Structure formats: structure tokens, C-alpha cells
Protein backbone atom coordinates (compact mmCIF):
# COMPACT_ATOMS: atom_id res chain seq x y z
CA MET A 1 -8.62 74.99 -38.88
CA ILE A 2 -11.57 75.05 -41.27
CA LEU A 3 -14.80 76.70 -40.12
CA ILE A 4 -17.77 74.88 -41.68
CA VAL A 5 -20.87 77.05 -41.36
CA GLY A 6 -23.95 74.87 -41.67
CA GLY A 7 -21.84 71.79 -41.02
CA ALA A 8 -24.67 69.93 -39.28
CA GLY A 9 -26.67 69.87 -42.52
CA TYR A 10 -26.68 67.48 -45.44
CA ILE A 11 -23.75 68.61 -47.57
CA GLY A 12 -21.81 70.26 -44.74
CA SER A 13 -21.72 67.07 -42.66
CA HIS A 14 -20.34 65.06 -45.57
CA VAL A 15 -17.69 67.72 -46.21
CA ASN A 16 -16.78 67.65 -42.52
CA LYS A 17 -16.23 63.89 -42.71
CA PHE A 18 -14.20 64.16 -45.91
CA LEU A 19 -11.90 66.86 -44.51
CA SER A 20 -11.50 65.20 -41.13
CA GLU A 21 -10.42 61.96 -42.76
CA ARG A 22 -7.69 63.93 -44.53
CA GLY A 23 -6.29 65.37 -41.34
CA TYR A 24 -7.97 68.78 -41.26
CA GLU A 25 -9.10 70.27 -37.96
CA THR A 26 -12.70 71.40 -38.30
CA LEU A 27 -14.99 73.76 -36.42
CA ILE A 28 -18.73 73.48 -37.03
CA LEU A 29 -21.14 76.40 -36.61
CA ASP A 30 -24.83 75.59 -37.01
CA ASN A 31 -28.07 76.81 -35.44
CA LEU A 32 -29.66 73.35 -35.85
CA THR A 33 -32.88 74.72 -37.32
CA ARG A 34 -32.37 72.45 -40.33
CA GLY A 35 -29.24 70.56 -39.33
CA HIS A 36 -28.77 67.69 -36.89
CA ARG A 37 -26.53 67.67 -33.86
CA ASP A 38 -25.77 63.98 -34.29
CA PHE A 39 -24.43 64.67 -37.79
CA VAL A 40 -21.49 66.53 -36.22
CA LYS A 41 -19.32 63.48 -35.66
CA TRP A 42 -16.00 65.20 -36.31
CA GLY A 43 -14.44 68.43 -35.08
CA GLU A 44 -15.64 70.99 -32.54
CA PHE A 45 -19.25 72.20 -32.52
CA ILE A 46 -20.63 75.67 -31.79
CA GLU A 47 -24.38 76.20 -31.81
CA GLY A 48 -25.34 79.64 -33.03
CA ASN A 49 -26.66 81.90 -35.78
CA LEU A 50 -24.86 83.73 -38.56
CA GLY A 51 -26.88 86.81 -37.64
CA ASP A 52 -25.09 86.95 -34.28
CA ARG A 53 -22.07 89.15 -34.99
CA ARG A 54 -20.77 88.88 -31.43
CA LEU A 55 -20.71 85.10 -31.73
CA LEU A 56 -18.87 85.27 -35.05
CA ASP A 57 -16.28 87.71 -33.70
CA ARG A 58 -15.76 85.57 -30.61
CA THR A 59 -15.38 82.48 -32.79
CA PHE A 60 -12.65 84.05 -34.90
CA GLU A 61 -10.94 85.51 -31.83
CA THR A 62 -10.76 82.18 -29.98
CA HIS A 63 -10.00 79.85 -32.89
CA ASP A 64 -7.21 79.89 -35.45
CA VAL A 65 -9.42 79.74 -38.55
CA ASP A 66 -7.61 79.44 -41.90
CA ALA A 67 -10.63 79.22 -44.20
CA VAL A 68 -14.42 79.24 -44.10
CA MET A 69 -16.87 76.99 -45.96
CA HIS A 70 -20.42 78.33 -46.05
CA PHE A 71 -23.42 75.96 -46.34
CA ALA A 72 -25.92 77.76 -44.10
CA ALA A 73 -28.60 78.77 -46.60
CA PHE A 74 -32.27 78.14 -47.23
CA THR A 75 -32.59 76.17 -50.48
CA ASP A 76 -36.26 75.49 -51.25
CA VAL A 77 -37.04 77.19 -54.58
CA GLY A 78 -40.80 77.08 -54.10
CA GLU A 79 -40.62 78.45 -50.57
CA SER A 80 -38.37 81.27 -51.76
CA VAL A 81 -41.08 82.40 -54.19
CA LEU A 82 -43.62 82.54 -51.35
CA LYS A 83 -41.26 83.99 -48.71
CA PRO A 84 -38.57 86.00 -50.53
CA GLY A 85 -37.71 88.20 -47.54
CA ARG A 86 -36.78 85.14 -45.50
CA TYR A 87 -34.38 84.02 -48.20
CA TYR A 88 -32.75 87.40 -48.78
CA HIS A 89 -32.24 87.92 -45.07
CA ASN A 90 -30.81 84.47 -44.34
CA ASN A 91 -28.89 83.88 -47.56
CA VAL A 92 -27.63 87.40 -48.24
CA VAL A 93 -27.70 89.57 -45.11
CA ASN A 94 -26.34 86.85 -42.83
CA THR A 95 -23.62 86.02 -45.33
CA ILE A 96 -22.50 89.66 -45.35
CA ASN A 97 -22.35 89.45 -41.56
CA LEU A 98 -20.04 86.44 -41.85
CA LEU A 99 -17.84 88.07 -44.48
CA ASP A 100 -17.46 91.25 -42.46
CA SER A 101 -16.37 89.29 -39.41
CA MET A 102 -13.89 87.32 -41.52
CA VAL A 103 -12.38 90.50 -42.96
CA ASP A 104 -12.09 92.13 -39.55
CA HIS A 105 -10.21 89.11 -38.22
CA GLY A 106 -7.91 88.60 -41.18
CA VAL A 107 -9.47 85.39 -42.54
CA ARG A 108 -9.17 85.62 -46.31
CA ASP A 109 -10.16 82.23 -47.81
CA PHE A 110 -13.85 81.48 -48.42
CA ILE A 111 -15.67 78.65 -50.18
CA PHE A 112 -19.28 79.36 -51.06
CA SER A 113 -22.02 76.81 -51.63
CA SER A 114 -23.73 78.26 -54.70
CA THR A 115 -26.19 76.74 -57.16
CA CYS A 116 -27.06 76.16 -60.79
CA ALA A 117 -30.20 78.18 -60.04
CA VAL A 118 -28.14 81.31 -60.83
CA TYR A 119 -28.51 80.44 -64.54
CA GLY A 120 -32.30 80.41 -64.66
CA ASN A 121 -33.86 78.85 -67.77
CA PRO A 122 -30.87 77.54 -69.73
CA MET A 123 -30.21 78.80 -73.23
CA GLU A 124 -27.99 75.81 -73.96
CA ILE A 125 -27.28 72.38 -72.50
CA PRO A 126 -24.93 71.52 -70.91
CA ILE A 127 -24.56 74.76 -68.96
CA SER A 128 -21.05 76.19 -68.62
CA GLU A 129 -19.86 78.93 -66.27
CA GLU A 130 -20.04 81.39 -69.19
CA HIS A 131 -23.79 80.94 -69.53
CA PRO A 132 -25.78 84.14 -68.87
CA LEU A 133 -26.86 84.56 -65.26
CA ASN A 134 -30.61 85.06 -65.07
CA PRO A 135 -32.09 83.38 -61.96
CA ILE A 136 -35.86 83.01 -61.95
CA SER A 137 -36.42 82.53 -58.20
CA PRO A 138 -35.51 84.50 -55.07
CA TYR A 139 -33.40 81.52 -54.03
CA GLY A 140 -31.31 81.72 -57.21
CA ARG A 141 -31.11 85.52 -56.98
CA SER A 142 -29.94 85.33 -53.36
CA LYS A 143 -27.06 83.07 -54.37
CA LEU A 144 -26.11 85.29 -57.31
CA MET A 145 -26.15 88.35 -55.06
CA VAL A 146 -23.63 86.69 -52.78
CA GLU A 147 -21.41 85.74 -55.72
CA GLU A 148 -21.39 89.41 -56.81
CA ILE A 149 -20.65 90.52 -53.26
CA LEU A 150 -17.70 88.11 -53.13
CA GLY A 151 -16.19 89.80 -56.17
CA ASP A 152 -16.52 93.18 -54.48
CA TYR A 153 -14.97 91.87 -51.26
CA ARG A 154 -12.06 90.44 -53.17
CA ASP A 155 -11.40 93.79 -54.84
CA ALA A 156 -11.81 95.79 -51.63
CA TYR A 157 -10.38 93.49 -48.95
CA GLY A 158 -8.32 90.84 -50.69
CA LEU A 159 -10.80 88.07 -49.87
CA ASN A 160 -10.05 84.98 -51.96
CA TYR A 161 -13.05 82.83 -52.77
CA VAL A 162 -14.30 79.84 -54.68
CA SER A 163 -17.96 79.67 -55.60
CA LEU A 164 -19.18 76.14 -56.33
CA ARG A 165 -22.38 76.00 -58.37
CA TYR A 166 -23.99 72.67 -57.55
CA PHE A 167 -26.48 70.88 -59.65
CA ASN A 168 -28.65 68.41 -57.67
CA ALA A 169 -26.88 66.99 -54.64
CA ALA A 170 -27.92 63.40 -53.99
CA GLY A 171 -26.89 60.17 -52.29
CA ALA A 172 -25.35 59.50 -48.90
CA ASP A 173 -22.06 58.59 -47.28
CA PRO A 174 -21.34 55.04 -48.54
CA GLU A 175 -20.15 54.11 -45.05
CA GLY A 176 -23.49 55.19 -43.58
CA GLU A 177 -22.21 57.61 -40.95
CA VAL A 178 -24.18 60.58 -42.30
CA GLY A 179 -26.83 61.02 -44.94
CA GLU A 180 -29.73 63.14 -46.18
CA LEU A 181 -32.42 64.02 -43.65
CA HIS A 182 -34.46 67.21 -44.05
CA ASN A 183 -37.53 68.33 -42.14
CA PRO A 184 -39.58 69.02 -44.09
CA GLU A 185 -38.11 66.96 -46.92
CA THR A 186 -38.17 68.71 -50.31
CA HIS A 187 -35.65 66.71 -52.35
CA LEU A 188 -36.95 64.23 -54.89
CA ILE A 189 -34.89 61.11 -54.14
CA PRO A 190 -35.53 60.92 -50.36
CA ILE A 191 -39.22 61.65 -50.98
CA VAL A 192 -39.41 58.75 -53.43
CA LEU A 193 -37.58 56.51 -50.96
CA ASP A 194 -40.09 57.48 -48.27
CA VAL A 195 -42.81 56.17 -50.57
CA ALA A 196 -40.85 52.94 -51.02
CA LEU A 197 -40.78 52.56 -47.22
CA GLY A 198 -44.51 53.22 -46.91
CA LEU A 199 -43.95 56.53 -45.08
CA ARG A 200 -45.77 58.46 -47.82
CA ASP A 201 -48.65 57.38 -50.01
CA ALA A 202 -47.19 58.76 -53.24
CA VAL A 203 -44.61 61.05 -54.81
CA ARG A 204 -46.02 64.11 -56.58
CA ILE A 205 -44.68 64.94 -60.04
CA PHE A 206 -44.78 68.71 -60.47
CA GLY A 207 -45.48 69.12 -64.17
CA THR A 208 -45.66 66.54 -66.95
CA ASP A 209 -45.89 68.95 -69.88
CA TYR A 210 -42.34 70.29 -70.00
CA PRO A 211 -40.44 70.23 -73.33
CA THR A 212 -38.44 67.16 -72.28
CA PRO A 213 -38.54 63.57 -73.60
CA ASP A 214 -41.15 62.38 -71.07
CA GLY A 215 -42.59 65.77 -70.07
CA THR A 216 -41.03 65.87 -66.60
CA CYS A 217 -38.16 68.06 -65.41
CA VAL A 218 -34.62 66.90 -66.13
CA ARG A 219 -31.85 67.39 -63.57
CA ASP A 220 -28.15 66.60 -63.18
CA TYR A 221 -27.54 64.57 -60.00
CA ILE A 222 -24.15 64.75 -58.28
CA HIS A 223 -23.20 62.52 -55.36
CA VAL A 224 -22.67 64.34 -52.08
CA MET A 225 -19.25 62.75 -51.50
CA ASP A 226 -18.16 63.95 -54.93
CA LEU A 227 -19.23 67.42 -53.80
CA ALA A 228 -17.15 66.98 -50.66
CA ASP A 229 -14.14 66.06 -52.77
CA ALA A 230 -14.62 69.23 -54.83
CA HIS A 231 -14.63 71.35 -51.67
CA TRP A 232 -11.35 69.82 -50.58
CA ARG A 233 -9.87 70.57 -53.99
CA ALA A 234 -11.22 74.12 -53.86
CA LEU A 235 -9.51 74.58 -50.51
CA ARG A 236 -6.20 73.54 -52.01
CA TYR A 237 -6.84 75.84 -54.98
CA LEU A 238 -7.26 78.81 -52.62
CA GLU A 239 -3.80 78.16 -51.21
CA GLY A 240 -2.47 79.58 -54.48
CA GLY A 241 -4.22 82.90 -53.86
CA GLU A 242 -6.67 82.51 -56.74
CA SER A 243 -10.44 82.95 -56.86
CA GLY A 244 -12.86 81.20 -59.18
CA VAL A 245 -16.32 79.91 -60.02
CA PHE A 246 -16.90 76.25 -60.85
CA ASN A 247 -19.89 74.14 -61.85
CA LEU A 248 -20.26 70.80 -60.10
CA GLY A 249 -22.34 68.27 -61.98
CA ASN A 250 -22.12 64.91 -63.72
CA GLY A 251 -22.99 66.24 -67.15
CA ASN A 252 -25.88 63.77 -67.47
CA GLY A 253 -29.54 64.62 -67.06
CA PHE A 254 -32.26 62.37 -65.65
CA SER A 255 -35.96 63.15 -65.64
CA VAL A 256 -38.23 62.93 -62.61
CA MET A 257 -39.80 59.80 -64.10
CA GLU A 258 -36.38 58.23 -64.67
CA VAL A 259 -35.46 58.88 -61.04
CA ILE A 260 -38.68 57.27 -59.84
CA GLU A 261 -38.18 54.24 -62.08
CA THR A 262 -34.57 53.81 -60.91
CA CYS A 263 -35.75 53.99 -57.30
CA ARG A 264 -38.24 51.23 -58.09
CA GLU A 265 -35.42 49.10 -59.47
CA VAL A 266 -33.10 49.73 -56.51
CA THR A 267 -35.71 49.25 -53.77
CA GLY A 268 -37.94 46.65 -55.36
CA ALA A 269 -40.97 48.69 -54.31
CA SER A 270 -43.82 49.72 -56.61
CA ILE A 271 -43.73 53.45 -55.63
CA ASN A 272 -46.95 55.26 -56.47
CA ALA A 273 -46.56 58.54 -58.39
CA VAL A 274 -49.26 61.16 -59.02
CA GLU A 275 -49.20 64.04 -61.46
CA ASP A 276 -49.52 67.61 -60.17
CA ASP A 277 -49.24 71.16 -61.52
CA ARG A 278 -45.91 72.79 -62.24
CA ARG A 279 -44.15 74.61 -59.42
CA PRO A 280 -43.07 78.24 -59.88
CA GLY A 281 -39.34 78.68 -60.47
CA ASP A 282 -38.62 75.24 -61.97
CA PRO A 283 -36.69 75.29 -65.29
CA PRO A 284 -37.44 72.34 -67.60
CA GLU A 285 -33.85 71.12 -67.77
CA LEU A 286 -30.66 71.75 -65.81
CA VAL A 287 -27.57 69.82 -66.85
CA GLY A 288 -24.11 71.16 -66.18
CA SER A 289 -20.69 71.15 -67.74
CA ALA A 290 -18.03 70.65 -65.07
CA GLY A 291 -15.15 70.90 -67.52
CA ARG A 292 -13.56 73.81 -65.68
CA ALA A 293 -13.57 71.95 -62.35
CA ARG A 294 -12.04 68.94 -64.04
CA ARG A 295 -9.30 70.99 -65.71
CA VAL A 296 -8.45 73.42 -62.94
CA LEU A 297 -9.24 71.50 -59.75
CA GLY A 298 -8.49 68.02 -61.08
CA TRP A 299 -11.93 66.92 -59.94
CA ARG A 300 -13.37 63.62 -61.16
CA PRO A 301 -16.77 62.43 -59.89
CA GLU A 302 -16.64 58.87 -58.62
CA PHE A 303 -20.40 58.26 -58.68
CA THR A 304 -21.52 58.80 -62.26
CA GLU A 305 -24.43 56.35 -62.53
CA LEU A 306 -27.84 57.30 -61.14
CA GLU A 307 -28.35 53.75 -59.84
CA ASP A 308 -25.15 53.92 -57.77
CA ILE A 309 -26.13 57.30 -56.30
CA ILE A 310 -29.59 56.05 -55.35
CA GLU A 311 -28.20 52.84 -53.85
CA THR A 312 -26.12 54.85 -51.34
CA ALA A 313 -29.20 56.95 -50.53
CA TRP A 314 -31.34 53.83 -50.07
CA ASN A 315 -28.79 52.14 -47.79
CA TRP A 316 -28.87 55.17 -45.51
CA HIS A 317 -32.56 55.95 -45.85
CA SER A 318 -33.87 52.45 -45.26
CA ARG A 319 -31.82 52.16 -42.06
CA ILE A 320 -32.58 55.59 -40.61
CA ARG A 321 -36.15 56.20 -41.82
CA GLY A 322 -37.14 52.57 -41.86
CA GLY A 323 -36.03 52.00 -38.29
CA ILE A 324 -33.63 49.20 -39.23
CA SER A 325 -30.90 48.84 -36.64
């Protein structure tokens, strides 16, 4: 059985579907503060918090858990700058709580949802796993802290782990069973699609004076089902008793303006965009090298074109947010 912590959220729900379709028994733990109960369409569901050690112990005592996948983190870079304590408590302290319960109950395989934010402002593009780690936001630092803790737990307790450093997760389940739905929404593509549906007046562009071709931030977008595939491969990798850190990205960068223009093409909507000041904690460009994941895990992203990624997002978004039955 695979315990998916945060499995009612965006990425966790897609991973749950991917694993369930491959015959895995899943157990979902989520407090539903940012997840959705109706996204848990596979496996058994437990509502609860990672800070509740009694709940965690009871979960491991009553279920035969083979491995844990951890998605239950706060991820808004800007919010982390304003509320760092909230991020360190949820992303670090609660993760230690989970790890301690795992160790005490003999569960030794752990897959961690990390981030490219651990690199900070990149010194070279594309970014490999050997790039210096210098996060510039509490969010990025919280993820790096957990990665360092995982190394210590492996040395002390024999915990095997895989840390997956995502670039920008995007898109939705092509079959439309789950998708991206945050409240409040902070991710660029669903915000732009809200504008296309008339649910927002405009999309704000945070900074147009970056040292990039059009002055807006450049990001590497990776489809959420490709992320799910990588988690499955990481799970199989752990069966060999190894630990590792892997970037997950397409290796191609697209600017904010390019994303908006592609959304216009996909939706046929005009999509109003307004310029705004830079946000704290945003590097100009983040594009990853996933060569290690390709070599070691045998991972190959299926969705490599931005248009294809946005089309899956639009199919989901227009039906759910647009009220189309």
C-alpha cells in the first residue's frame, strides 16, 4: 500500500490515479484545507493533519504501508516571504513528524515532492542537480531543509528516499477525472484561463524588466501526468534500496508572455494582461535539465509542447470553472 500525503491536492490526485491504474493500493491522507474531497476517486481516504502524531501512528498501525509519497506542503513563494513561520512549520516541522512516525513503524521508503526553488537564482541554464543550492525564498529554503533532513534520516535510520525537484507543474488529466483547482489560485495557467472564461478581468504580469527576451519571467512547464509517471518510476527505483535526487522538467523555457499568447491561441479568447511590479522571490529564469531522471529512472515526458499542456488544462478548466456539464 502507498500512503499519499496530500493526495486530495493537484499533483497528489493525479499520482493517485496513475498508481491506481497500475494496480497499486493507495491510502490518501489530507486535511482538505487546500485539497478537494471529490479529487480522491481512488483508494481509501483519511482526513487529518500531519501535525497529528497520534493519527499518523494509528494510520501506520492499522495499514500495511510500504512507501510514503509526500505532497502536503504550502507552495506559494510570495506568501512564504510574508508568512515564513507558516511555511517552516507546515513544510518542515510537520514533515519531521511524518518521518518520525514512519521510522517508528518500520516504513523505510519515502518520495518527497521538492522544487526547483532550492536552486535560487540560476548560475547556468539548464539547471542540473549539481547546481549550487541557494534558495531565495522561505518556500525554497523549507524544501531544501527537508532534503537535508532526509539525508540525515537515511544515515541514522536507513530511510531510503527520492527527492523530485519539480519545475512548473501544469496541465490536467487528459481524461478529465481530476485537474488543477486551487483556492486561492496562484498558478499562471489557470489564472490566464480564468480570464479567458470571463471569471477575471485580467492576468497580472509581475515584472516586465527581467533579463529575458521579452522581459518577463521564463519557466519550464512539466505536465502533471508526466510528474505522476516520474513518481511511479521513483517508487520502483526505491525497491533497489537506493536514494537519489532528480530534476523533473521539460528542458524548455517559456516566458509569461508566451504562456499568455499560447492560451489565447488555444482558447480563442483575447485575454487581457496588465503589467505589475516584480514579486519578491522570483528568479528571472528557471529551466531544468532532467538528464539524470531520463538516464536513471527511464523517464520520458509525453507532453513536451506548451500548447498540448495548455489544451489539457483548458479542457478541464472550461468544464469545471465554466460550468459546462
